[in-house]
Amino acid sequence: MSATEEHQDVYAPDQLKPTNRRRAQRGAIISAIVLLMFFWGNQQGNTEKVWLVVIAIGLIGAVVGDIVLRKAGLRPND
C-alpha cells in the first residue's frame, strides 16, 4: 500500500444496521424498574439493595446521557 492510498475501515453487514434507539431506551428503563422491584425482598443486609440501586441509576444515567449528547449534537441521530 502506498502513502497516497486511503485506509478504509471494514465493517460486517450487521454493524451497519441501524438500531432502534427508542426500544433500547425503553428496555433500559424497564430493566431499572424491574431491578428496583427487587428492592423490597427478603434480603438480610443492605449490600444487595445498594447494588440494585447503583445498577438502576447507571441504566437511567446511560439513557439520560444519551439523550443529552444527542440534543447537543455530539452523537448522531440514526
C-alpha atoms as a PDB file:
ATOM      1  CA  MET A   1       0.000   0.000   0.000  1.00  0.00           C
ATOM      2  CA  SER A   2       1.417   3.355  -0.935  1.00  0.00           C
ATOM      3  CA  ALA A   3       1.321   6.542   1.106  1.00  0.00           C
ATOM      4  CA  THR A   4      -1.350   8.082  -1.140  1.00  0.00           C
ATOM      5  CA  GLU A   5      -3.903   5.308  -0.620  1.00  0.00           C
ATOM      6  CA  GLU A   6      -6.563   5.925   1.957  1.00  0.00           C
ATOM      7  CA  HIS A   7      -7.245   3.417   4.722  1.00  0.00           C
ATOM      8  CA  GLN A   8     -10.881   2.313   4.816  1.00  0.00           C
ATOM      9  CA  ASP A   9     -12.419   0.504   7.753  1.00  0.00           C
ATOM     10  CA  VAL A  10     -14.042  -2.857   7.150  1.00  0.00           C
ATOM     11  CA  TYR A  11     -17.450  -3.450   8.708  1.00  0.00           C
ATOM     12  CA  ALA A  12     -19.603  -6.540   8.951  1.00  0.00           C
ATOM     13  CA  PRO A  13     -23.092  -6.112   7.449  1.00  0.00           C
ATOM     14  CA  ASP A  14     -24.798  -6.345  10.841  1.00  0.00           C
ATOM     15  CA  GLN A  15     -22.707  -3.442  12.167  1.00  0.00           C
ATOM     16  CA  LEU A  16     -24.221  -1.127   9.575  1.00  0.00           C
ATOM     17  CA  LYS A  17     -27.832  -1.896  10.534  1.00  0.00           C
ATOM     18  CA  PRO A  18     -29.434   0.949  12.454  1.00  0.00           C
ATOM     19  CA  THR A  19     -30.639   0.021  15.918  1.00  0.00           C
ATOM     20  CA  ASN A  20     -33.958   1.057  17.355  1.00  0.00           C
ATOM     21  CA  ARG A  21     -32.841   3.694  19.860  1.00  0.00           C
ATOM     22  CA  ARG A  22     -36.275   4.169  21.446  1.00  0.00           C
ATOM     23  CA  ARG A  23     -36.627   0.431  22.048  1.00  0.00           C
ATOM     24  CA  ALA A  24     -33.202   0.313  23.698  1.00  0.00           C
ATOM     25  CA  GLN A  25     -34.064   3.275  25.931  1.00  0.00           C
ATOM     26  CA  ARG A  26     -37.381   1.727  26.946  1.00  0.00           C
ATOM     27  CA  GLY A  27     -35.644  -1.568  27.658  1.00  0.00           C
ATOM     28  CA  ALA A  28     -33.131   0.137  29.942  1.00  0.00           C
ATOM     29  CA  ILE A  29     -35.857   1.977  31.845  1.00  0.00           C
ATOM     30  CA  ILE A  30     -37.978  -1.165  32.218  1.00  0.00           C
ATOM     31  CA  SER A  31     -34.916  -3.096  33.420  1.00  0.00           C
ATOM     32  CA  ALA A  32     -34.207  -0.406  36.016  1.00  0.00           C
ATOM     33  CA  ILE A  33     -37.811  -0.591  37.248  1.00  0.00           C
ATOM     34  CA  VAL A  34     -37.648  -4.386  37.484  1.00  0.00           C
ATOM     35  CA  LEU A  35     -34.389  -4.136  39.432  1.00  0.00           C
ATOM     36  CA  LEU A  36     -35.957  -1.686  41.860  1.00  0.00           C
ATOM     37  CA  MET A  37     -38.902  -4.047  42.360  1.00  0.00           C
ATOM     38  CA  PHE A  38     -36.446  -6.486  43.969  1.00  0.00           C
ATOM     39  CA  PHE A  39     -35.542  -3.751  46.487  1.00  0.00           C
ATOM     40  CA  TRP A  40     -38.341  -4.986  48.747  1.00  0.00           C
ATOM     41  CA  GLY A  41     -37.250  -8.587  49.045  1.00  0.00           C
ATOM     42  CA  ASN A  42     -36.148 -10.744  51.896  1.00  0.00           C
ATOM     43  CA  GLN A  43     -32.541  -9.572  51.988  1.00  0.00           C
ATOM     44  CA  GLN A  44     -30.862  -9.606  55.372  1.00  0.00           C
ATOM     45  CA  GLY A  45     -28.289  -6.882  54.725  1.00  0.00           C
ATOM     46  CA  ASN A  46     -28.186  -3.711  52.712  1.00  0.00           C
ATOM     47  CA  THR A  47     -25.468  -4.812  50.270  1.00  0.00           C
ATOM     48  CA  GLU A  48     -27.992  -6.203  47.792  1.00  0.00           C
ATOM     49  CA  LYS A  49     -30.081  -3.049  47.997  1.00  0.00           C
ATOM     50  CA  VAL A  50     -27.068  -0.847  47.326  1.00  0.00           C
ATOM     51  CA  TRP A  51     -26.135  -2.844  44.215  1.00  0.00           C
ATOM     52  CA  LEU A  52     -29.714  -2.804  42.912  1.00  0.00           C
ATOM     53  CA  VAL A  53     -29.945   0.972  43.296  1.00  0.00           C
ATOM     54  CA  VAL A  54     -26.485   1.595  41.778  1.00  0.00           C
ATOM     55  CA  ILE A  55     -27.217  -0.552  38.713  1.00  0.00           C
ATOM     56  CA  ALA A  56     -30.656   1.052  38.235  1.00  0.00           C
ATOM     57  CA  ILE A  57     -29.146   4.552  38.499  1.00  0.00           C
ATOM     58  CA  GLY A  58     -26.472   3.522  35.986  1.00  0.00           C
ATOM     59  CA  LEU A  59     -29.098   2.397  33.485  1.00  0.00           C
ATOM     60  CA  ILE A  60     -31.128   5.581  33.879  1.00  0.00           C
ATOM     61  CA  GLY A  61     -27.924   7.648  33.680  1.00  0.00           C
ATOM     62  CA  ALA A  62     -26.987   5.974  30.391  1.00  0.00           C
ATOM     63  CA  VAL A  63     -30.385   6.829  28.901  1.00  0.00           C
ATOM     64  CA  VAL A  64     -30.258  10.439  30.129  1.00  0.00           C
ATOM     65  CA  GLY A  65     -26.652  10.814  28.941  1.00  0.00           C
ATOM     66  CA  ASP A  66     -27.584   9.514  25.502  1.00  0.00           C
ATOM     67  CA  ILE A  67     -30.481  11.982  25.248  1.00  0.00           C
ATOM     68  CA  VAL A  68     -28.306  14.912  26.360  1.00  0.00           C
ATOM     69  CA  LEU A  69     -25.494  14.041  23.934  1.00  0.00           C
ATOM     70  CA  ARG A  70     -27.919  13.698  21.020  1.00  0.00           C
ATOM     71  CA  LYS A  71     -29.557  17.045  21.793  1.00  0.00           C
ATOM     72  CA  ALA A  72     -26.116  18.681  21.966  1.00  0.00           C
ATOM     73  CA  GLY A  73     -25.237  17.167  18.583  1.00  0.00           C
ATOM     74  CA  LEU A  74     -22.361  15.105  19.928  1.00  0.00           C
ATOM     75  CA  ARG A  75     -23.928  11.766  18.880  1.00  0.00           C
ATOM     76  CA  PRO A  76     -25.501  11.036  15.516  1.00  0.00           C
ATOM     77  CA  ASN A  77     -29.269  10.573  15.260  1.00  0.00           C
ATOM     78  CA  ASP A  78     -29.613   7.290  13.433  1.00  0.00           C
END
